[in-house]
Amino acid sequence: MAVAPRTPAASAGPTTCPACLQTAPAGARFCPNCGTGFTSLEYGSFGRRLVAYLLDYVIGFAVGFVLAIIGAVIISILGLTAEEQPEPERSVEAAAFLGIWLLSAAGYHILMNAYGGTLGKRVLGMRLQHARSGENIGLGRSFVRFIVSYAGGMPLFYLGYLWSIWDRDRQTWHDKAAGSVVVRS
């Protein structure tokens, strides 16, 4: 679904920025003074973003499943079965496995989003970018986006995600916190 552009389209002559009223060179996509975009954007819809999220989940599950099988094979080759280990050591191993899984999930989302979006977004023709400059959001903003996405997720009945349904720029809470938007590429 196309959303009306917030800023004027680039023209052949110099453009006056509607935000700071400074003159930008002909053909500029963004104001060199304040970063306001001059091109119209088609934002990623809630439905398309949901399908991308589900695709990322399936990809993550498949990779995790393969890694679990490899780990089980290694454990069986080494002869380390759970029955042979004392209870505290099994708990430490379970916590280590969970920690590694969480770190890999966080790493995937942080790194992929820092450089234009996850595989699910890319497959569905979307790109994550800085809302003002149109550039990649980088690691710092990606980390903020990841943390806020979990805070606005399950604990709040996914209200942070649902926010994009009625937001003018189709931003979720984590997009707003990171200063990012998801656009059609």
N, C-alpha and C. Protein backbone atom coordinates (compact mmCIF):
# COMPACT_ATOMS: atom_id res chain seq x y z
N MET A 1 0.85 -1.17 0.00
CA MET A 1 0.00 0.00 0.00
C MET A 1 0.89 1.22 0.00
N ALA A 2 0.66 2.10 -0.94
CA ALA A 2 1.47 3.31 -1.04
C ALA A 2 1.01 4.34 -0.02
N VAL A 3 1.96 5.03 0.54
CA VAL A 3 1.67 6.09 1.51
C VAL A 3 2.08 7.40 0.87
N ALA A 4 1.29 8.42 1.05
CA ALA A 4 1.59 9.72 0.45
C ALA A 4 2.96 10.19 0.93
N PRO A 5 3.76 10.73 0.01
CA PRO A 5 5.10 11.19 0.39
C PRO A 5 5.02 12.37 1.34
N ARG A 6 5.98 12.43 2.25
CA ARG A 6 6.04 13.54 3.20
C ARG A 6 6.81 14.72 2.64
N THR A 7 7.64 14.47 1.66
CA THR A 7 8.52 15.52 1.13
C THR A 7 8.40 15.57 -0.38
N PRO A 8 8.75 16.68 -1.00
CA PRO A 8 8.61 16.80 -2.45
C PRO A 8 9.60 15.90 -3.18
N ALA A 9 9.22 15.48 -4.38
CA ALA A 9 10.11 14.66 -5.21
C ALA A 9 11.27 15.52 -5.72
N ALA A 10 12.39 14.87 -6.01
CA ALA A 10 13.56 15.59 -6.51
C ALA A 10 13.23 16.23 -7.86
N SER A 11 13.72 17.44 -8.07
CA SER A 11 13.45 18.16 -9.31
C SER A 11 14.76 18.42 -10.04
N ALA A 12 14.62 19.00 -11.25
CA ALA A 12 15.81 19.27 -12.06
C ALA A 12 16.64 20.42 -11.49
N GLY A 13 15.99 21.39 -10.86
CA GLY A 13 16.70 22.54 -10.31
C GLY A 13 16.95 22.39 -8.83
N PRO A 14 17.55 23.41 -8.22
CA PRO A 14 17.77 23.36 -6.77
C PRO A 14 16.44 23.19 -6.03
N THR A 15 16.49 22.53 -4.90
CA THR A 15 15.31 22.23 -4.11
C THR A 15 15.42 22.95 -2.77
N THR A 16 14.33 23.51 -2.32
CA THR A 16 14.28 24.11 -1.00
C THR A 16 13.73 23.08 -0.03
N CYS A 17 14.48 22.82 1.03
CA CYS A 17 14.07 21.84 2.03
C CYS A 17 12.85 22.36 2.79
N PRO A 18 11.78 21.55 2.88
CA PRO A 18 10.60 22.00 3.62
C PRO A 18 10.82 22.04 5.13
N ALA A 19 11.84 21.34 5.62
CA ALA A 19 12.07 21.29 7.06
C ALA A 19 12.92 22.46 7.55
N CYS A 20 14.05 22.72 6.87
CA CYS A 20 14.96 23.77 7.35
C CYS A 20 15.04 24.98 6.42
N LEU A 21 14.36 24.89 5.27
CA LEU A 21 14.29 25.97 4.28
C LEU A 21 15.62 26.33 3.64
N GLN A 22 16.61 25.46 3.74
CA GLN A 22 17.90 25.65 3.08
C GLN A 22 17.80 25.12 1.65
N THR A 23 18.64 25.63 0.76
CA THR A 23 18.65 25.18 -0.62
C THR A 23 19.57 23.98 -0.77
N ALA A 24 19.06 22.97 -1.47
CA ALA A 24 19.85 21.77 -1.74
C ALA A 24 20.18 21.74 -3.22
N PRO A 25 21.30 21.12 -3.62
CA PRO A 25 21.68 21.07 -5.03
C PRO A 25 20.65 20.29 -5.87
N ALA A 26 20.65 20.56 -7.15
CA ALA A 26 19.75 19.85 -8.07
C ALA A 26 19.98 18.35 -7.99
N GLY A 27 18.90 17.59 -7.97
CA GLY A 27 18.98 16.13 -7.95
C GLY A 27 19.28 15.52 -6.59
N ALA A 28 19.41 16.34 -5.55
CA ALA A 28 19.72 15.81 -4.22
C ALA A 28 18.56 14.96 -3.71
N ARG A 29 18.88 13.84 -3.10
CA ARG A 29 17.85 12.99 -2.52
C ARG A 29 17.54 13.39 -1.09
N PHE A 30 18.50 14.04 -0.43
CA PHE A 30 18.35 14.43 0.97
C PHE A 30 18.93 15.82 1.16
N CYS A 31 18.40 16.55 2.11
CA CYS A 31 18.92 17.87 2.43
C CYS A 31 20.30 17.72 3.07
N PRO A 32 21.33 18.40 2.55
CA PRO A 32 22.66 18.28 3.13
C PRO A 32 22.75 18.94 4.51
N ASN A 33 21.80 19.81 4.84
CA ASN A 33 21.82 20.51 6.12
C ASN A 33 21.16 19.69 7.23
N CYS A 34 19.93 19.19 7.00
CA CYS A 34 19.20 18.51 8.08
C CYS A 34 18.90 17.04 7.80
N GLY A 35 19.12 16.56 6.57
CA GLY A 35 18.92 15.15 6.26
C GLY A 35 17.51 14.79 5.81
N THR A 36 16.60 15.75 5.68
CA THR A 36 15.24 15.45 5.23
C THR A 36 15.28 14.89 3.81
N GLY A 37 14.52 13.82 3.58
CA GLY A 37 14.49 13.20 2.27
C GLY A 37 13.60 13.96 1.30
N PHE A 38 14.00 13.97 0.03
CA PHE A 38 13.23 14.65 -1.02
C PHE A 38 12.50 13.67 -1.92
N THR A 39 12.71 12.39 -1.74
CA THR A 39 12.05 11.42 -2.59
C THR A 39 10.87 10.81 -1.85
N SER A 40 9.85 10.43 -2.61
CA SER A 40 8.71 9.78 -1.97
C SER A 40 9.08 8.33 -1.68
N LEU A 41 8.60 7.81 -0.59
CA LEU A 41 8.91 6.45 -0.16
C LEU A 41 7.62 5.64 -0.07
N GLU A 42 7.72 4.37 -0.42
CA GLU A 42 6.61 3.45 -0.18
C GLU A 42 7.04 2.60 1.02
N TYR A 43 6.34 2.78 2.11
CA TYR A 43 6.69 2.09 3.34
C TYR A 43 6.24 0.63 3.30
N GLY A 44 6.95 -0.22 4.02
CA GLY A 44 6.59 -1.62 4.14
C GLY A 44 5.32 -1.76 4.96
N SER A 45 4.33 -2.46 4.44
CA SER A 45 3.05 -2.61 5.13
C SER A 45 3.18 -3.58 6.31
N PHE A 46 2.21 -3.53 7.20
CA PHE A 46 2.19 -4.44 8.35
C PHE A 46 2.18 -5.89 7.87
N GLY A 47 1.33 -6.21 6.89
CA GLY A 47 1.23 -7.59 6.40
C GLY A 47 2.52 -8.09 5.81
N ARG A 48 3.16 -7.28 5.00
CA ARG A 48 4.43 -7.68 4.37
C ARG A 48 5.51 -7.85 5.43
N ARG A 49 5.52 -6.96 6.42
CA ARG A 49 6.52 -7.07 7.49
C ARG A 49 6.26 -8.30 8.35
N LEU A 50 4.99 -8.64 8.56
CA LEU A 50 4.65 -9.84 9.33
C LEU A 50 5.14 -11.10 8.62
N VAL A 51 4.92 -11.17 7.31
CA VAL A 51 5.39 -12.33 6.55
C VAL A 51 6.91 -12.41 6.60
N ALA A 52 7.60 -11.26 6.52
CA ALA A 52 9.06 -11.25 6.61
C ALA A 52 9.52 -11.76 7.98
N TYR A 53 8.82 -11.34 9.04
CA TYR A 53 9.14 -11.80 10.40
C TYR A 53 8.97 -13.32 10.50
N LEU A 54 7.88 -13.84 9.95
CA LEU A 54 7.64 -15.28 9.99
C LEU A 54 8.70 -16.03 9.18
N LEU A 55 9.09 -15.47 8.05
CA LEU A 55 10.14 -16.09 7.24
C LEU A 55 11.46 -16.11 8.01
N ASP A 56 11.78 -15.02 8.70
CA ASP A 56 12.99 -14.99 9.53
C ASP A 56 12.91 -16.05 10.63
N TYR A 57 11.74 -16.23 11.20
CA TYR A 57 11.55 -17.22 12.25
C TYR A 57 11.79 -18.62 11.70
N VAL A 58 11.26 -18.91 10.52
CA VAL A 58 11.45 -20.23 9.89
C VAL A 58 12.92 -20.44 9.58
N ILE A 59 13.59 -19.43 9.05
CA ILE A 59 15.02 -19.54 8.75
C ILE A 59 15.80 -19.81 10.04
N GLY A 60 15.49 -19.05 11.09
CA GLY A 60 16.17 -19.24 12.37
C GLY A 60 15.93 -20.62 12.96
N PHE A 61 14.68 -21.10 12.85
CA PHE A 61 14.36 -22.43 13.36
C PHE A 61 15.12 -23.50 12.59
N ALA A 62 15.17 -23.37 11.27
CA ALA A 62 15.87 -24.36 10.45
C ALA A 62 17.36 -24.40 10.77
N VAL A 63 17.97 -23.23 10.89
CA VAL A 63 19.39 -23.17 11.22
C VAL A 63 19.62 -23.75 12.62
N GLY A 64 18.77 -23.37 13.58
CA GLY A 64 18.90 -23.90 14.94
C GLY A 64 18.72 -25.41 14.99
N PHE A 65 17.80 -25.93 14.19
CA PHE A 65 17.56 -27.38 14.14
C PHE A 65 18.79 -28.11 13.62
N VAL A 66 19.37 -27.59 12.55
CA VAL A 66 20.58 -28.20 11.97
C VAL A 66 21.72 -28.16 12.98
N LEU A 67 21.89 -27.01 13.65
CA LEU A 67 22.96 -26.90 14.66
C LEU A 67 22.72 -27.85 15.83
N ALA A 68 21.47 -28.03 16.23
CA ALA A 68 21.16 -28.96 17.32
C ALA A 68 21.49 -30.39 16.93
N ILE A 69 21.20 -30.75 15.70
CA ILE A 69 21.52 -32.11 15.23
C ILE A 69 23.03 -32.31 15.21
N ILE A 70 23.76 -31.31 14.71
CA ILE A 70 25.22 -31.41 14.69
C ILE A 70 25.75 -31.53 16.11
N GLY A 71 25.22 -30.73 17.03
CA GLY A 71 25.63 -30.82 18.44
C GLY A 71 25.33 -32.18 19.04
N ALA A 72 24.15 -32.74 18.73
CA ALA A 72 23.78 -34.06 19.25
C ALA A 72 24.71 -35.14 18.71
N VAL A 73 25.08 -35.03 17.44
CA VAL A 73 26.00 -36.01 16.85
C VAL A 73 27.37 -35.91 17.53
N ILE A 74 27.85 -34.71 17.75
CA ILE A 74 29.15 -34.52 18.41
C ILE A 74 29.10 -35.08 19.83
N ILE A 75 28.02 -34.81 20.55
CA ILE A 75 27.89 -35.31 21.92
C ILE A 75 27.86 -36.83 21.93
N SER A 76 27.14 -37.43 20.97
CA SER A 76 27.07 -38.90 20.95
C SER A 76 28.41 -39.51 20.55
N ILE A 77 29.14 -38.85 19.66
CA ILE A 77 30.46 -39.35 19.27
C ILE A 77 31.42 -39.30 20.46
N LEU A 78 31.32 -38.22 21.24
CA LEU A 78 32.20 -38.08 22.41
C LEU A 78 31.72 -38.90 23.59
N GLY A 79 30.52 -39.46 23.50
CA GLY A 79 29.99 -40.29 24.57
C GLY A 79 29.52 -39.50 25.78
N LEU A 80 29.10 -38.27 25.60
CA LEU A 80 28.64 -37.44 26.70
C LEU A 80 27.12 -37.44 26.75
N THR A 81 26.55 -38.41 27.38
CA THR A 81 25.08 -38.45 27.50
C THR A 81 24.67 -37.77 28.79
N ALA A 82 23.45 -37.28 28.84
CA ALA A 82 22.95 -36.55 30.01
C ALA A 82 22.87 -37.45 31.24
N GLU A 83 22.61 -38.73 31.05
CA GLU A 83 22.49 -39.64 32.19
C GLU A 83 23.80 -39.82 32.94
N GLU A 84 24.90 -39.63 32.24
CA GLU A 84 26.22 -39.83 32.84
C GLU A 84 26.74 -38.61 33.58
N GLN A 85 26.04 -37.48 33.46
CA GLN A 85 26.53 -36.26 34.08
C GLN A 85 25.70 -35.92 35.31
N PRO A 86 26.36 -35.35 36.33
CA PRO A 86 25.61 -34.90 37.51
C PRO A 86 24.65 -33.77 37.14
N GLU A 87 23.59 -33.58 37.93
CA GLU A 87 22.54 -32.59 37.67
C GLU A 87 23.06 -31.17 37.47
N PRO A 88 23.97 -30.65 38.32
CA PRO A 88 24.43 -29.26 38.11
C PRO A 88 25.10 -29.04 36.76
N GLU A 89 25.84 -30.01 36.28
CA GLU A 89 26.50 -29.86 35.00
C GLU A 89 25.50 -29.83 33.85
N ARG A 90 24.41 -30.61 33.95
CA ARG A 90 23.37 -30.58 32.92
C ARG A 90 22.70 -29.22 32.90
N SER A 91 22.48 -28.61 34.06
CA SER A 91 21.85 -27.30 34.13
C SER A 91 22.75 -26.23 33.50
N VAL A 92 24.04 -26.32 33.75
CA VAL A 92 24.99 -25.37 33.17
C VAL A 92 25.01 -25.52 31.65
N GLU A 93 24.98 -26.76 31.18
CA GLU A 93 24.97 -26.99 29.73
C GLU A 93 23.69 -26.43 29.10
N ALA A 94 22.56 -26.62 29.75
CA ALA A 94 21.30 -26.10 29.23
C ALA A 94 21.32 -24.58 29.19
N ALA A 95 21.84 -23.97 30.24
CA ALA A 95 21.93 -22.51 30.28
C ALA A 95 22.90 -22.01 29.20
N ALA A 96 24.01 -22.71 29.00
CA ALA A 96 24.97 -22.32 27.97
C ALA A 96 24.33 -22.43 26.59
N PHE A 97 23.59 -23.52 26.35
CA PHE A 97 22.92 -23.69 25.07
C PHE A 97 21.92 -22.57 24.82
N LEU A 98 21.12 -22.24 25.84
CA LEU A 98 20.15 -21.17 25.71
C LEU A 98 20.84 -19.82 25.47
N GLY A 99 21.92 -19.58 26.19
CA GLY A 99 22.67 -18.34 26.01
C GLY A 99 23.25 -18.21 24.61
N ILE A 100 23.81 -19.30 24.10
CA ILE A 100 24.37 -19.28 22.75
C ILE A 100 23.26 -19.05 21.73
N TRP A 101 22.12 -19.69 21.92
CA TRP A 101 20.99 -19.51 21.01
C TRP A 101 20.50 -18.07 21.02
N LEU A 102 20.37 -17.48 22.21
CA LEU A 102 19.90 -16.09 22.30
C LEU A 102 20.90 -15.12 21.69
N LEU A 103 22.18 -15.34 21.94
CA LEU A 103 23.20 -14.48 21.36
C LEU A 103 23.23 -14.58 19.84
N SER A 104 23.05 -15.79 19.31
CA SER A 104 23.05 -15.93 17.85
C SER A 104 21.83 -15.28 17.25
N ALA A 105 20.66 -15.39 17.90
CA ALA A 105 19.45 -14.73 17.40
C ALA A 105 19.61 -13.21 17.44
N ALA A 106 20.14 -12.71 18.53
CA ALA A 106 20.37 -11.27 18.65
C ALA A 106 21.38 -10.81 17.61
N GLY A 107 22.46 -11.56 17.46
CA GLY A 107 23.48 -11.21 16.48
C GLY A 107 22.93 -11.17 15.07
N TYR A 108 22.11 -12.15 14.73
CA TYR A 108 21.50 -12.19 13.39
C TYR A 108 20.70 -10.92 13.14
N HIS A 109 19.79 -10.59 14.05
CA HIS A 109 18.93 -9.43 13.85
C HIS A 109 19.72 -8.12 13.88
N ILE A 110 20.65 -8.00 14.81
CA ILE A 110 21.41 -6.76 14.93
C ILE A 110 22.28 -6.55 13.69
N LEU A 111 23.01 -7.59 13.28
CA LEU A 111 23.90 -7.44 12.12
C LEU A 111 23.12 -7.27 10.82
N MET A 112 22.07 -8.06 10.63
CA MET A 112 21.31 -7.94 9.38
C MET A 112 20.61 -6.59 9.29
N ASN A 113 20.02 -6.14 10.38
CA ASN A 113 19.32 -4.86 10.35
C ASN A 113 20.28 -3.68 10.22
N ALA A 114 21.49 -3.82 10.75
CA ALA A 114 22.47 -2.74 10.63
C ALA A 114 22.82 -2.47 9.17
N TYR A 115 22.69 -3.47 8.33
CA TYR A 115 23.10 -3.34 6.93
C TYR A 115 21.95 -3.53 5.94
N GLY A 116 20.75 -3.08 6.30
CA GLY A 116 19.66 -3.04 5.33
C GLY A 116 18.50 -3.97 5.57
N GLY A 117 18.54 -4.82 6.56
CA GLY A 117 17.39 -5.66 6.87
C GLY A 117 17.71 -7.14 6.89
N THR A 118 16.82 -7.88 7.50
CA THR A 118 16.98 -9.32 7.62
C THR A 118 16.72 -10.00 6.28
N LEU A 119 17.00 -11.29 6.20
CA LEU A 119 16.76 -12.04 4.97
C LEU A 119 15.28 -12.01 4.59
N GLY A 120 14.40 -12.11 5.58
CA GLY A 120 12.96 -12.06 5.30
C GLY A 120 12.55 -10.76 4.64
N LYS A 121 13.06 -9.65 5.14
CA LYS A 121 12.75 -8.35 4.54
C LYS A 121 13.29 -8.28 3.11
N ARG A 122 14.48 -8.75 2.91
CA ARG A 122 15.10 -8.66 1.59
C ARG A 122 14.36 -9.53 0.58
N VAL A 123 13.98 -10.74 0.99
CA VAL A 123 13.25 -11.64 0.09
C VAL A 123 11.92 -11.00 -0.33
N LEU A 124 11.28 -10.28 0.58
CA LEU A 124 10.00 -9.66 0.28
C LEU A 124 10.13 -8.24 -0.28
N GLY A 125 11.33 -7.87 -0.69
CA GLY A 125 11.53 -6.59 -1.38
C GLY A 125 11.44 -5.38 -0.48
N MET A 126 11.92 -5.50 0.75
CA MET A 126 11.92 -4.37 1.67
C MET A 126 13.33 -4.09 2.13
N ARG A 127 13.52 -2.88 2.62
CA ARG A 127 14.82 -2.45 3.11
C ARG A 127 14.62 -1.63 4.37
N LEU A 128 15.47 -1.86 5.36
CA LEU A 128 15.48 -1.07 6.58
C LEU A 128 16.48 0.06 6.40
N GLN A 129 16.07 1.29 6.68
CA GLN A 129 16.98 2.42 6.51
C GLN A 129 16.73 3.48 7.57
N HIS A 130 17.71 4.36 7.71
CA HIS A 130 17.58 5.50 8.61
C HIS A 130 16.46 6.38 8.06
N ALA A 131 15.56 6.83 8.92
CA ALA A 131 14.39 7.58 8.49
C ALA A 131 14.73 8.90 7.82
N ARG A 132 15.79 9.54 8.25
CA ARG A 132 16.11 10.87 7.69
C ARG A 132 17.12 10.81 6.56
N SER A 133 18.15 9.98 6.69
CA SER A 133 19.22 9.99 5.68
C SER A 133 19.03 8.95 4.59
N GLY A 134 18.27 7.90 4.86
CA GLY A 134 18.11 6.82 3.88
C GLY A 134 19.26 5.84 3.87
N GLU A 135 20.23 6.01 4.75
CA GLU A 135 21.39 5.12 4.84
C GLU A 135 21.08 3.94 5.75
N ASN A 136 22.00 2.97 5.79
CA ASN A 136 21.87 1.87 6.75
C ASN A 136 21.88 2.44 8.17
N ILE A 137 21.23 1.75 9.10
CA ILE A 137 21.12 2.31 10.45
C ILE A 137 22.35 2.05 11.32
N GLY A 138 23.20 1.14 10.96
CA GLY A 138 24.42 0.88 11.72
C GLY A 138 24.16 0.01 12.94
N LEU A 139 25.23 -0.39 13.59
CA LEU A 139 25.13 -1.33 14.71
C LEU A 139 24.46 -0.74 15.94
N GLY A 140 24.76 0.50 16.29
CA GLY A 140 24.19 1.11 17.49
C GLY A 140 22.68 1.21 17.42
N ARG A 141 22.18 1.77 16.33
CA ARG A 141 20.73 1.90 16.16
C ARG A 141 20.08 0.53 16.01
N SER A 142 20.77 -0.40 15.39
CA SER A 142 20.24 -1.75 15.24
C SER A 142 20.10 -2.42 16.60
N PHE A 143 21.07 -2.20 17.48
CA PHE A 143 20.99 -2.76 18.84
C PHE A 143 19.80 -2.18 19.60
N VAL A 144 19.62 -0.86 19.52
CA VAL A 144 18.47 -0.21 20.17
C VAL A 144 17.18 -0.78 19.61
N ARG A 145 17.12 -0.94 18.30
CA ARG A 145 15.92 -1.47 17.64
C ARG A 145 15.62 -2.88 18.14
N PHE A 146 16.64 -3.70 18.29
CA PHE A 146 16.47 -5.07 18.77
C PHE A 146 15.92 -5.10 20.20
N ILE A 147 16.51 -4.30 21.09
CA ILE A 147 16.08 -4.27 22.49
C ILE A 147 14.63 -3.79 22.60
N VAL A 148 14.29 -2.71 21.92
CA VAL A 148 12.93 -2.16 21.99
C VAL A 148 11.93 -3.12 21.34
N SER A 149 12.35 -3.85 20.31
CA SER A 149 11.42 -4.79 19.67
C SER A 149 10.99 -5.88 20.64
N TYR A 150 11.88 -6.31 21.51
CA TYR A 150 11.49 -7.32 22.49
C TYR A 150 10.70 -6.72 23.64
N ALA A 151 11.00 -5.50 24.00
CA ALA A 151 10.24 -4.83 25.07
C ALA A 151 8.81 -4.54 24.62
N GLY A 152 8.62 -4.19 23.36
CA GLY A 152 7.28 -3.90 22.84
C GLY A 152 6.60 -5.11 22.24
N GLY A 153 7.21 -6.25 22.40
CA GLY A 153 6.67 -7.50 21.84
C GLY A 153 5.75 -8.21 22.81
N MET A 154 6.12 -9.41 23.15
CA MET A 154 5.26 -10.26 23.96
C MET A 154 4.79 -9.64 25.28
N PRO A 155 5.64 -8.94 26.04
CA PRO A 155 5.17 -8.41 27.32
C PRO A 155 4.00 -7.42 27.16
N LEU A 156 3.90 -6.77 26.01
CA LEU A 156 2.85 -5.77 25.80
C LEU A 156 1.89 -6.20 24.69
N PHE A 157 1.71 -7.52 24.53
CA PHE A 157 0.77 -8.05 23.55
C PHE A 157 1.07 -7.57 22.13
N TYR A 158 2.33 -7.39 21.84
CA TYR A 158 2.82 -6.97 20.52
C TYR A 158 2.30 -5.61 20.07
N LEU A 159 1.94 -4.77 21.02
CA LEU A 159 1.44 -3.43 20.69
C LEU A 159 2.49 -2.62 19.92
N GLY A 160 3.77 -2.79 20.28
CA GLY A 160 4.83 -2.08 19.58
C GLY A 160 4.88 -2.44 18.10
N TYR A 161 4.57 -3.69 17.76
CA TYR A 161 4.54 -4.11 16.37
C TYR A 161 3.26 -3.62 15.68
N LEU A 162 2.14 -3.76 16.37
CA LEU A 162 0.85 -3.37 15.80
C LEU A 162 0.77 -1.87 15.52
N TRP A 163 1.61 -1.10 16.20
CA TRP A 163 1.61 0.35 16.04
C TRP A 163 1.77 0.75 14.57
N SER A 164 2.48 -0.05 13.80
CA SER A 164 2.73 0.30 12.40
C SER A 164 1.46 0.29 11.56
N ILE A 165 0.40 -0.33 12.03
CA ILE A 165 -0.86 -0.38 11.27
C ILE A 165 -1.44 1.02 11.11
N TRP A 166 -1.39 1.81 12.16
CA TRP A 166 -2.01 3.14 12.10
C TRP A 166 -1.00 4.29 12.09
N ASP A 167 0.28 4.00 12.11
CA ASP A 167 1.28 5.06 12.08
C ASP A 167 1.43 5.60 10.65
N ARG A 168 1.56 6.90 10.51
CA ARG A 168 1.66 7.56 9.21
C ARG A 168 2.84 7.01 8.40
N ASP A 169 3.97 6.78 9.05
CA ASP A 169 5.17 6.29 8.36
C ASP A 169 5.35 4.79 8.51
N ARG A 170 4.31 4.10 8.96
CA ARG A 170 4.31 2.64 9.16
C ARG A 170 5.45 2.19 10.09
N GLN A 171 5.76 3.02 11.09
CA GLN A 171 6.84 2.69 12.03
C GLN A 171 6.30 1.94 13.24
N THR A 172 7.05 0.95 13.67
CA THR A 172 6.80 0.28 14.94
C THR A 172 7.50 1.08 16.04
N TRP A 173 7.31 0.66 17.28
CA TRP A 173 8.00 1.36 18.37
C TRP A 173 9.51 1.24 18.20
N HIS A 174 9.97 0.05 17.78
CA HIS A 174 11.42 -0.12 17.64
C HIS A 174 11.96 0.69 16.46
N ASP A 175 11.15 0.92 15.44
CA ASP A 175 11.57 1.83 14.36
C ASP A 175 11.72 3.25 14.89
N LYS A 176 10.74 3.69 15.66
CA LYS A 176 10.78 5.05 16.21
C LYS A 176 11.99 5.23 17.12
N ALA A 177 12.25 4.23 17.98
CA ALA A 177 13.38 4.32 18.91
C ALA A 177 14.72 4.40 18.17
N ALA A 178 14.82 3.68 17.05
CA ALA A 178 16.07 3.65 16.30
C ALA A 178 16.14 4.69 15.20
N GLY A 179 15.04 5.41 14.97
CA GLY A 179 15.02 6.39 13.89
C GLY A 179 15.07 5.73 12.53
N SER A 180 14.37 4.59 12.39
CA SER A 180 14.41 3.83 11.14
C SER A 180 13.02 3.70 10.53
N VAL A 181 12.99 3.35 9.25
CA VAL A 181 11.77 3.02 8.54
C VAL A 181 12.05 1.80 7.66
N VAL A 182 11.00 1.05 7.39
CA VAL A 182 11.09 -0.07 6.46
C VAL A 182 10.39 0.38 5.18
N VAL A 183 11.12 0.34 4.07
CA VAL A 183 10.59 0.81 2.79
C VAL A 183 10.65 -0.31 1.77
N ARG A 184 9.84 -0.18 0.74
CA ARG A 184 9.91 -1.13 -0.38
C ARG A 184 11.17 -0.78 -1.18
N SER A 185 11.90 -1.78 -1.58
CA SER A 185 13.15 -1.51 -2.31
C SER A 185 12.96 -1.71 -3.79
